[in-house]
Amino acid sequence: MQLRAFLTALALALPMCAAHAGDWTVRFDGAGPLKIGMRFDTVNKVLGEHMERTPKALRGTPNCFQLEPARQPGLLLMFVGDVLKRVDVMEEGIQSERGIGLGDPVEKIGQVYGEAVISAPQAYDDSEQILTVKAGGGQYAIRFDTSKGKVGAIYAGAWKEVQYIEGCL
């Protein structure tokens, strides 16, 4: 009987444990306990949240929406067709799996990811760069946008969605 109570308590605590800030490293294929390809309802269960889908009338693109989970502020989750496709880092303190975070010097990206970095000018400011690293045979990527010599934004997930430059567009 005590074992059953313990296991029940453990099962209820796991989603909360997974959502602590220290566990939210951003990877090519997700962040923290979230994995690119998870369905919206599964993400809610893993996080122990009750996020609501953005109504279609309020979306810029009917099949895509983004939400910030309450348990992990600073991350923005992109869902396309109700499937997690991208994770955006919105605040300092959340890092890539290789230790790159917002505000880090741009040179650190080259030092850490080496020749895998693909560089391109930003769409609206060609004095700034988009630095992208592919993984999983090109299925996933992490993109770092620069701002005045520092990392200004980080996007990770499915290759296609990581390339979007204005949220779901």
N, C-alpha and C. Protein backbone atom coordinates (compact mmCIF):
# COMPACT_ATOMS: atom_id res chain seq x y z
N MET A 1 0.81 -1.19 0.00
CA MET A 1 0.00 0.00 0.00
C MET A 1 0.87 1.27 0.00
N GLN A 2 1.94 1.26 0.80
CA GLN A 2 2.82 2.43 0.85
C GLN A 2 3.52 2.62 -0.48
N LEU A 3 3.90 1.52 -1.12
CA LEU A 3 4.55 1.61 -2.42
C LEU A 3 3.62 2.24 -3.44
N ARG A 4 2.37 1.88 -3.43
CA ARG A 4 1.39 2.44 -4.36
C ARG A 4 1.25 3.96 -4.15
N ALA A 5 1.18 4.40 -2.90
CA ALA A 5 1.08 5.83 -2.59
C ALA A 5 2.33 6.57 -3.05
N PHE A 6 3.49 5.95 -2.84
CA PHE A 6 4.74 6.56 -3.26
C PHE A 6 4.78 6.72 -4.79
N LEU A 7 4.41 5.65 -5.50
CA LEU A 7 4.43 5.70 -6.96
C LEU A 7 3.44 6.71 -7.50
N THR A 8 2.29 6.85 -6.87
CA THR A 8 1.30 7.85 -7.29
C THR A 8 1.87 9.25 -7.10
N ALA A 9 2.47 9.49 -5.95
CA ALA A 9 3.07 10.81 -5.67
C ALA A 9 4.20 11.11 -6.65
N LEU A 10 5.00 10.10 -6.95
CA LEU A 10 6.10 10.28 -7.91
C LEU A 10 5.57 10.61 -9.30
N ALA A 11 4.55 9.91 -9.73
CA ALA A 11 3.96 10.16 -11.05
C ALA A 11 3.40 11.57 -11.15
N LEU A 12 2.81 12.06 -10.08
CA LEU A 12 2.27 13.43 -10.09
C LEU A 12 3.37 14.47 -10.06
N ALA A 13 4.50 14.16 -9.44
CA ALA A 13 5.59 15.12 -9.31
C ALA A 13 6.47 15.19 -10.55
N LEU A 14 6.52 14.15 -11.36
CA LEU A 14 7.43 14.12 -12.51
C LEU A 14 7.25 15.29 -13.47
N PRO A 15 6.01 15.64 -13.89
CA PRO A 15 5.90 16.78 -14.79
C PRO A 15 6.45 18.06 -14.18
N MET A 16 6.28 18.24 -12.89
CA MET A 16 6.78 19.45 -12.25
C MET A 16 8.30 19.43 -12.19
N CYS A 17 8.89 18.28 -11.90
CA CYS A 17 10.34 18.17 -11.84
C CYS A 17 10.95 18.47 -13.20
N ALA A 18 10.32 17.98 -14.25
CA ALA A 18 10.86 18.16 -15.60
C ALA A 18 10.82 19.61 -16.03
N ALA A 19 9.97 20.40 -15.43
CA ALA A 19 9.77 21.76 -15.89
C ALA A 19 10.61 22.79 -15.14
N HIS A 20 11.53 22.37 -14.29
CA HIS A 20 12.39 23.33 -13.60
C HIS A 20 13.39 23.94 -14.58
N ALA A 21 13.74 25.21 -14.36
CA ALA A 21 14.58 25.96 -15.29
C ALA A 21 15.90 25.28 -15.58
N GLY A 22 16.53 24.64 -14.60
CA GLY A 22 17.82 24.00 -14.80
C GLY A 22 17.78 22.87 -15.81
N ASP A 23 16.61 22.34 -16.07
CA ASP A 23 16.46 21.22 -16.98
C ASP A 23 16.13 21.66 -18.40
N TRP A 24 16.09 22.94 -18.69
CA TRP A 24 15.56 23.42 -19.96
C TRP A 24 16.62 23.73 -21.00
N THR A 25 17.62 22.90 -21.11
CA THR A 25 18.61 23.04 -22.16
C THR A 25 17.90 22.88 -23.51
N VAL A 26 18.27 23.75 -24.46
CA VAL A 26 17.68 23.71 -25.80
C VAL A 26 18.55 22.83 -26.68
N ARG A 27 17.91 21.84 -27.29
CA ARG A 27 18.59 20.92 -28.20
C ARG A 27 18.07 21.12 -29.61
N PHE A 28 18.74 20.50 -30.56
CA PHE A 28 18.26 20.54 -31.95
C PHE A 28 16.83 20.02 -32.04
N ASP A 29 16.52 19.00 -31.23
CA ASP A 29 15.22 18.32 -31.32
C ASP A 29 14.27 18.66 -30.17
N GLY A 30 14.48 19.79 -29.50
CA GLY A 30 13.55 20.18 -28.44
C GLY A 30 14.21 20.96 -27.33
N ALA A 31 13.56 20.96 -26.17
CA ALA A 31 14.07 21.65 -25.00
C ALA A 31 13.52 20.97 -23.76
N GLY A 32 14.37 20.81 -22.74
CA GLY A 32 13.93 20.16 -21.52
C GLY A 32 13.27 18.84 -21.85
N PRO A 33 12.08 18.59 -21.30
CA PRO A 33 11.40 17.32 -21.55
C PRO A 33 10.63 17.29 -22.88
N LEU A 34 10.63 18.40 -23.60
CA LEU A 34 9.85 18.49 -24.84
C LEU A 34 10.68 18.07 -26.04
N LYS A 35 10.04 17.34 -26.94
CA LYS A 35 10.72 16.87 -28.15
C LYS A 35 9.93 17.33 -29.37
N ILE A 36 10.65 17.82 -30.34
CA ILE A 36 10.01 18.22 -31.60
C ILE A 36 9.26 17.00 -32.15
N GLY A 37 8.02 17.23 -32.57
CA GLY A 37 7.17 16.16 -33.06
C GLY A 37 6.08 15.76 -32.08
N MET A 38 6.19 16.25 -30.82
CA MET A 38 5.14 15.96 -29.85
C MET A 38 3.86 16.69 -30.23
N ARG A 39 2.73 16.05 -29.99
CA ARG A 39 1.43 16.68 -30.23
C ARG A 39 1.13 17.66 -29.10
N PHE A 40 0.29 18.64 -29.37
CA PHE A 40 -0.07 19.69 -28.43
C PHE A 40 -0.55 19.11 -27.09
N ASP A 41 -1.46 18.15 -27.13
CA ASP A 41 -1.99 17.56 -25.90
C ASP A 41 -0.90 16.86 -25.09
N THR A 42 0.05 16.24 -25.75
CA THR A 42 1.16 15.59 -25.06
C THR A 42 2.04 16.62 -24.38
N VAL A 43 2.32 17.74 -25.05
CA VAL A 43 3.11 18.82 -24.45
C VAL A 43 2.42 19.31 -23.18
N ASN A 44 1.12 19.52 -23.23
CA ASN A 44 0.38 19.95 -22.04
C ASN A 44 0.53 18.93 -20.91
N LYS A 45 0.43 17.65 -21.21
CA LYS A 45 0.57 16.62 -20.18
C LYS A 45 1.96 16.61 -19.59
N VAL A 46 2.98 16.68 -20.45
CA VAL A 46 4.36 16.66 -19.97
C VAL A 46 4.63 17.85 -19.06
N LEU A 47 4.10 19.01 -19.42
CA LEU A 47 4.31 20.22 -18.63
C LEU A 47 3.37 20.32 -17.45
N GLY A 48 2.32 19.52 -17.44
CA GLY A 48 1.32 19.64 -16.39
C GLY A 48 0.57 20.95 -16.48
N GLU A 49 0.34 21.41 -17.70
CA GLU A 49 -0.30 22.71 -17.94
C GLU A 49 -1.64 22.53 -18.64
N HIS A 50 -2.30 23.66 -18.79
CA HIS A 50 -3.58 23.69 -19.50
C HIS A 50 -3.54 24.80 -20.55
N MET A 51 -2.46 24.81 -21.34
CA MET A 51 -2.35 25.82 -22.39
C MET A 51 -3.51 25.64 -23.36
N GLU A 52 -3.99 26.74 -23.88
CA GLU A 52 -5.08 26.72 -24.87
C GLU A 52 -4.51 27.10 -26.23
N ARG A 53 -4.99 26.44 -27.26
CA ARG A 53 -4.58 26.79 -28.62
C ARG A 53 -5.05 28.22 -28.93
N THR A 54 -4.23 28.96 -29.65
CA THR A 54 -4.64 30.28 -30.11
C THR A 54 -5.79 30.10 -31.09
N PRO A 55 -6.90 30.83 -30.90
CA PRO A 55 -8.02 30.69 -31.85
C PRO A 55 -7.55 31.00 -33.28
N LYS A 56 -8.06 30.25 -34.24
CA LYS A 56 -7.63 30.41 -35.64
C LYS A 56 -7.82 31.83 -36.14
N ALA A 57 -8.86 32.51 -35.68
CA ALA A 57 -9.13 33.88 -36.13
C ALA A 57 -8.03 34.85 -35.68
N LEU A 58 -7.26 34.49 -34.65
CA LEU A 58 -6.21 35.37 -34.13
C LEU A 58 -4.81 34.99 -34.63
N ARG A 59 -4.73 33.96 -35.44
CA ARG A 59 -3.42 33.51 -35.93
C ARG A 59 -3.05 34.21 -37.22
N GLY A 60 -1.76 34.46 -37.41
CA GLY A 60 -1.28 35.01 -38.66
C GLY A 60 -1.32 34.00 -39.78
N THR A 61 -1.19 32.73 -39.42
CA THR A 61 -1.26 31.60 -40.33
C THR A 61 -2.22 30.60 -39.71
N PRO A 62 -3.25 30.14 -40.43
CA PRO A 62 -4.29 29.30 -39.82
C PRO A 62 -3.80 28.01 -39.15
N ASN A 63 -2.70 27.45 -39.65
CA ASN A 63 -2.23 26.15 -39.17
C ASN A 63 -1.12 26.25 -38.14
N CYS A 64 -0.76 27.48 -37.70
CA CYS A 64 0.40 27.67 -36.84
C CYS A 64 0.07 28.64 -35.71
N PHE A 65 0.59 28.34 -34.51
CA PHE A 65 0.47 29.26 -33.38
C PHE A 65 1.64 29.05 -32.43
N GLN A 66 1.90 30.06 -31.60
CA GLN A 66 2.99 30.00 -30.63
C GLN A 66 2.45 30.34 -29.24
N LEU A 67 3.00 29.65 -28.23
CA LEU A 67 2.59 29.86 -26.84
C LEU A 67 3.80 29.82 -25.93
N GLU A 68 3.74 30.58 -24.84
CA GLU A 68 4.77 30.54 -23.81
C GLU A 68 4.22 29.75 -22.63
N PRO A 69 4.86 28.62 -22.29
CA PRO A 69 4.36 27.84 -21.16
C PRO A 69 4.59 28.57 -19.84
N ALA A 70 3.61 28.51 -18.95
CA ALA A 70 3.72 29.18 -17.65
C ALA A 70 4.85 28.59 -16.82
N ARG A 71 5.09 27.31 -16.95
CA ARG A 71 6.12 26.65 -16.14
C ARG A 71 7.53 26.92 -16.65
N GLN A 72 7.65 27.44 -17.85
CA GLN A 72 8.99 27.78 -18.35
C GLN A 72 8.93 29.09 -19.12
N PRO A 73 8.79 30.20 -18.38
CA PRO A 73 8.83 31.48 -19.06
C PRO A 73 10.18 31.66 -19.76
N GLY A 74 10.15 32.38 -20.85
CA GLY A 74 11.37 32.58 -21.60
C GLY A 74 11.49 31.67 -22.81
N LEU A 75 10.58 30.70 -22.90
CA LEU A 75 10.53 29.84 -24.08
C LEU A 75 9.21 30.08 -24.79
N LEU A 76 9.26 30.07 -26.10
CA LEU A 76 8.06 30.19 -26.92
C LEU A 76 7.98 28.92 -27.76
N LEU A 77 6.85 28.22 -27.67
CA LEU A 77 6.67 26.96 -28.38
C LEU A 77 5.85 27.19 -29.64
N MET A 78 6.34 26.70 -30.79
CA MET A 78 5.63 26.82 -32.05
C MET A 78 5.00 25.49 -32.41
N PHE A 79 3.69 25.53 -32.68
CA PHE A 79 2.95 24.36 -33.10
C PHE A 79 2.46 24.58 -34.53
N VAL A 80 2.70 23.60 -35.38
CA VAL A 80 2.20 23.62 -36.76
C VAL A 80 1.38 22.35 -36.92
N GLY A 81 0.12 22.51 -37.30
CA GLY A 81 -0.75 21.35 -37.42
C GLY A 81 -0.88 20.61 -36.09
N ASP A 82 -0.84 21.35 -34.98
CA ASP A 82 -0.98 20.81 -33.63
C ASP A 82 0.23 19.99 -33.18
N VAL A 83 1.37 20.14 -33.87
CA VAL A 83 2.59 19.41 -33.55
C VAL A 83 3.69 20.41 -33.21
N LEU A 84 4.44 20.16 -32.13
CA LEU A 84 5.56 21.02 -31.74
C LEU A 84 6.64 20.96 -32.82
N LYS A 85 6.96 22.13 -33.38
CA LYS A 85 7.95 22.19 -34.46
C LYS A 85 9.17 23.03 -34.12
N ARG A 86 9.01 23.99 -33.17
CA ARG A 86 10.13 24.89 -32.89
C ARG A 86 10.03 25.41 -31.46
N VAL A 87 11.19 25.69 -30.89
CA VAL A 87 11.30 26.30 -29.57
C VAL A 87 12.14 27.56 -29.73
N ASP A 88 11.62 28.69 -29.27
CA ASP A 88 12.35 29.97 -29.33
C ASP A 88 12.78 30.36 -27.93
N VAL A 89 14.03 30.78 -27.78
CA VAL A 89 14.53 31.28 -26.51
C VAL A 89 14.28 32.78 -26.47
N MET A 90 13.53 33.22 -25.46
CA MET A 90 13.13 34.62 -25.37
C MET A 90 13.84 35.39 -24.25
N GLU A 91 14.48 34.69 -23.31
CA GLU A 91 15.12 35.33 -22.16
C GLU A 91 16.48 34.71 -21.90
N GLU A 92 17.37 35.51 -21.32
CA GLU A 92 18.69 35.01 -20.93
C GLU A 92 18.54 33.94 -19.86
N GLY A 93 19.52 33.06 -19.80
CA GLY A 93 19.53 32.02 -18.79
C GLY A 93 19.20 30.64 -19.34
N ILE A 94 18.64 30.57 -20.53
CA ILE A 94 18.36 29.29 -21.18
C ILE A 94 19.42 29.13 -22.27
N GLN A 95 20.10 27.99 -22.27
CA GLN A 95 21.21 27.80 -23.20
C GLN A 95 21.00 26.61 -24.13
N SER A 96 21.77 26.63 -25.24
CA SER A 96 21.79 25.49 -26.15
C SER A 96 22.53 24.34 -25.48
N GLU A 97 22.44 23.17 -26.06
CA GLU A 97 23.09 21.98 -25.51
C GLU A 97 24.60 22.13 -25.45
N ARG A 98 25.13 23.10 -26.13
CA ARG A 98 26.58 23.35 -26.09
C ARG A 98 26.92 24.65 -25.36
N GLY A 99 25.97 25.17 -24.61
CA GLY A 99 26.26 26.30 -23.72
C GLY A 99 26.17 27.69 -24.31
N ILE A 100 25.50 27.86 -25.44
CA ILE A 100 25.31 29.18 -26.03
C ILE A 100 23.99 29.76 -25.54
N GLY A 101 24.04 31.00 -25.08
CA GLY A 101 22.82 31.66 -24.60
C GLY A 101 22.71 33.07 -25.15
N LEU A 102 21.56 33.68 -24.94
CA LEU A 102 21.36 35.07 -25.36
C LEU A 102 22.40 35.94 -24.68
N GLY A 103 22.96 36.88 -25.43
CA GLY A 103 23.96 37.78 -24.89
C GLY A 103 25.39 37.29 -25.03
N ASP A 104 25.59 36.03 -25.40
CA ASP A 104 26.96 35.52 -25.60
C ASP A 104 27.57 36.17 -26.83
N PRO A 105 28.91 36.33 -26.84
CA PRO A 105 29.56 36.88 -28.04
C PRO A 105 29.38 35.94 -29.23
N VAL A 106 29.18 36.52 -30.39
CA VAL A 106 28.96 35.74 -31.62
C VAL A 106 30.12 34.78 -31.87
N GLU A 107 31.34 35.17 -31.55
CA GLU A 107 32.51 34.32 -31.78
C GLU A 107 32.38 32.97 -31.09
N LYS A 108 31.67 32.93 -29.97
CA LYS A 108 31.52 31.68 -29.22
C LYS A 108 30.81 30.61 -30.06
N ILE A 109 29.89 31.02 -30.93
CA ILE A 109 29.16 30.07 -31.77
C ILE A 109 30.14 29.32 -32.67
N GLY A 110 31.04 30.06 -33.32
CA GLY A 110 32.04 29.44 -34.18
C GLY A 110 33.00 28.55 -33.41
N GLN A 111 33.38 28.99 -32.21
CA GLN A 111 34.28 28.19 -31.38
C GLN A 111 33.63 26.88 -30.96
N VAL A 112 32.35 26.92 -30.68
CA VAL A 112 31.65 25.75 -30.16
C VAL A 112 31.17 24.81 -31.26
N TYR A 113 30.62 25.37 -32.35
CA TYR A 113 30.04 24.53 -33.41
C TYR A 113 30.96 24.37 -34.61
N GLY A 114 32.01 25.16 -34.70
CA GLY A 114 33.02 25.00 -35.74
C GLY A 114 32.50 25.16 -37.16
N GLU A 115 32.97 24.28 -38.04
CA GLU A 115 32.66 24.36 -39.46
C GLU A 115 31.22 24.02 -39.79
N ALA A 116 30.47 23.53 -38.83
CA ALA A 116 29.06 23.18 -39.07
C ALA A 116 28.18 24.42 -39.20
N VAL A 117 28.70 25.59 -38.82
CA VAL A 117 27.91 26.83 -38.84
C VAL A 117 27.74 27.33 -40.27
N ILE A 118 26.48 27.58 -40.65
CA ILE A 118 26.14 28.17 -41.94
C ILE A 118 25.78 29.63 -41.66
N SER A 119 26.45 30.55 -42.34
CA SER A 119 26.23 31.97 -42.10
C SER A 119 25.50 32.62 -43.26
N ALA A 120 24.55 33.50 -42.92
CA ALA A 120 23.81 34.26 -43.93
C ALA A 120 23.43 35.61 -43.32
N PRO A 121 23.26 36.64 -44.17
CA PRO A 121 22.82 37.93 -43.62
C PRO A 121 21.36 37.84 -43.17
N GLN A 122 21.01 38.64 -42.16
CA GLN A 122 19.62 38.69 -41.72
C GLN A 122 18.76 39.35 -42.78
N ALA A 123 17.50 38.99 -42.82
CA ALA A 123 16.58 39.47 -43.85
C ALA A 123 16.38 40.98 -43.82
N TYR A 124 16.32 41.57 -42.64
CA TYR A 124 16.00 42.99 -42.53
C TYR A 124 17.19 43.86 -42.17
N ASP A 125 18.35 43.24 -41.88
CA ASP A 125 19.54 44.00 -41.52
C ASP A 125 20.76 43.21 -41.95
N ASP A 126 21.27 43.51 -43.14
CA ASP A 126 22.39 42.72 -43.66
C ASP A 126 23.70 42.97 -42.94
N SER A 127 23.72 43.87 -41.94
CA SER A 127 24.91 44.04 -41.12
C SER A 127 24.94 42.99 -39.99
N GLU A 128 23.82 42.30 -39.80
CA GLU A 128 23.73 41.24 -38.79
C GLU A 128 23.66 39.89 -39.50
N GLN A 129 23.90 38.82 -38.73
CA GLN A 129 23.98 37.48 -39.32
C GLN A 129 22.93 36.53 -38.75
N ILE A 130 22.64 35.51 -39.54
CA ILE A 130 21.91 34.34 -39.09
C ILE A 130 22.92 33.20 -39.16
N LEU A 131 23.17 32.56 -38.03
CA LEU A 131 24.12 31.46 -37.96
C LEU A 131 23.34 30.19 -37.63
N THR A 132 23.35 29.23 -38.54
CA THR A 132 22.53 28.03 -38.40
C THR A 132 23.41 26.79 -38.41
N VAL A 133 23.03 25.83 -37.56
CA VAL A 133 23.71 24.54 -37.51
C VAL A 133 22.65 23.47 -37.69
N LYS A 134 22.86 22.60 -38.69
CA LYS A 134 21.93 21.50 -38.95
C LYS A 134 22.35 20.25 -38.17
N ALA A 135 21.36 19.40 -37.91
CA ALA A 135 21.62 18.11 -37.26
C ALA A 135 20.59 17.10 -37.73
N GLY A 136 20.78 15.85 -37.35
CA GLY A 136 19.82 14.82 -37.71
C GLY A 136 19.66 14.65 -39.19
N GLY A 137 20.77 14.73 -39.94
CA GLY A 137 20.70 14.60 -41.39
C GLY A 137 19.97 15.75 -42.05
N GLY A 138 19.93 16.91 -41.40
CA GLY A 138 19.25 18.08 -41.94
C GLY A 138 17.80 18.20 -41.49
N GLN A 139 17.33 17.27 -40.69
CA GLN A 139 15.96 17.29 -40.20
C GLN A 139 15.75 18.39 -39.15
N TYR A 140 16.78 18.65 -38.33
CA TYR A 140 16.71 19.63 -37.24
C TYR A 140 17.77 20.70 -37.42
N ALA A 141 17.59 21.81 -36.69
CA ALA A 141 18.59 22.88 -36.72
C ALA A 141 18.47 23.74 -35.47
N ILE A 142 19.56 24.44 -35.18
CA ILE A 142 19.55 25.54 -34.21
C ILE A 142 20.02 26.77 -34.97
N ARG A 143 19.26 27.87 -34.82
CA ARG A 143 19.59 29.12 -35.49
C ARG A 143 19.87 30.18 -34.43
N PHE A 144 20.97 30.89 -34.63
CA PHE A 144 21.35 32.00 -33.77
C PHE A 144 21.30 33.28 -34.59
N ASP A 145 20.50 34.24 -34.18
CA ASP A 145 20.50 35.55 -34.83
C ASP A 145 21.39 36.47 -34.01
N THR A 146 22.18 37.29 -34.71
CA THR A 146 23.10 38.18 -34.01
C THR A 146 22.51 39.58 -33.87
N SER A 147 23.01 40.28 -32.85
CA SER A 147 22.64 41.66 -32.61
C SER A 147 23.82 42.36 -31.94
N LYS A 148 24.48 43.24 -32.70
CA LYS A 148 25.61 44.02 -32.18
C LYS A 148 26.71 43.15 -31.59
N GLY A 149 27.05 42.07 -32.31
CA GLY A 149 28.15 41.22 -31.90
C GLY A 149 27.80 40.18 -30.85
N LYS A 150 26.53 40.08 -30.51
CA LYS A 150 26.09 39.12 -29.50
C LYS A 150 24.94 38.27 -30.03
N VAL A 151 24.68 37.16 -29.35
CA VAL A 151 23.53 36.32 -29.72
C VAL A 151 22.27 37.05 -29.27
N GLY A 152 21.41 37.35 -30.23
CA GLY A 152 20.18 38.09 -29.94
C GLY A 152 18.94 37.22 -29.91
N ALA A 153 19.00 36.04 -30.54
CA ALA A 153 17.85 35.13 -30.57
C ALA A 153 18.34 33.73 -30.86
N ILE A 154 17.61 32.74 -30.32
CA ILE A 154 17.92 31.33 -30.56
C ILE A 154 16.61 30.63 -30.91
N TYR A 155 16.67 29.83 -31.99
CA TYR A 155 15.52 29.05 -32.44
C TYR A 155 16.01 27.63 -32.67
N ALA A 156 15.26 26.64 -32.20
CA ALA A 156 15.66 25.24 -32.39
C ALA A 156 14.45 24.40 -32.77
N GLY A 157 14.70 23.39 -33.61
CA GLY A 157 13.61 22.49 -33.97
C GLY A 157 13.72 21.97 -35.38
N ALA A 158 12.56 21.76 -35.99
CA ALA A 158 12.49 21.24 -37.35
C ALA A 158 13.09 22.25 -38.33
N TRP A 159 13.89 21.76 -39.26
CA TRP A 159 14.62 22.63 -40.20
C TRP A 159 13.73 23.69 -40.83
N LYS A 160 12.61 23.30 -41.40
CA LYS A 160 11.74 24.26 -42.10
C LYS A 160 11.28 25.38 -41.17
N GLU A 161 10.79 25.04 -40.00
CA GLU A 161 10.25 26.05 -39.09
C GLU A 161 11.34 26.90 -38.45
N VAL A 162 12.54 26.37 -38.29
CA VAL A 162 13.64 27.16 -37.75
C VAL A 162 13.99 28.30 -38.71
N GLN A 163 13.68 28.14 -39.99
CA GLN A 163 13.99 29.15 -40.98
C GLN A 163 12.98 30.31 -41.00
N TYR A 164 11.80 30.13 -40.40
CA TYR A 164 10.81 31.22 -40.37
C TYR A 164 11.42 32.42 -39.66
N ILE A 165 11.22 33.61 -40.22
CA ILE A 165 11.85 34.80 -39.63
C ILE A 165 10.89 35.67 -38.84
N GLU A 166 9.60 35.45 -38.98
CA GLU A 166 8.61 36.22 -38.22
C GLU A 166 7.59 35.29 -37.60
N GLY A 167 8.01 34.59 -36.55
CA GLY A 167 7.10 33.65 -35.91
C GLY A 167 6.63 32.59 -36.88
N CYS A 168 5.33 32.50 -37.08
CA CYS A 168 4.76 31.46 -37.95
C CYS A 168 4.85 31.80 -39.42
N LEU A 169 5.45 32.92 -39.77
CA LEU A 169 5.50 33.33 -41.18
C LEU A 169 6.87 33.06 -41.77
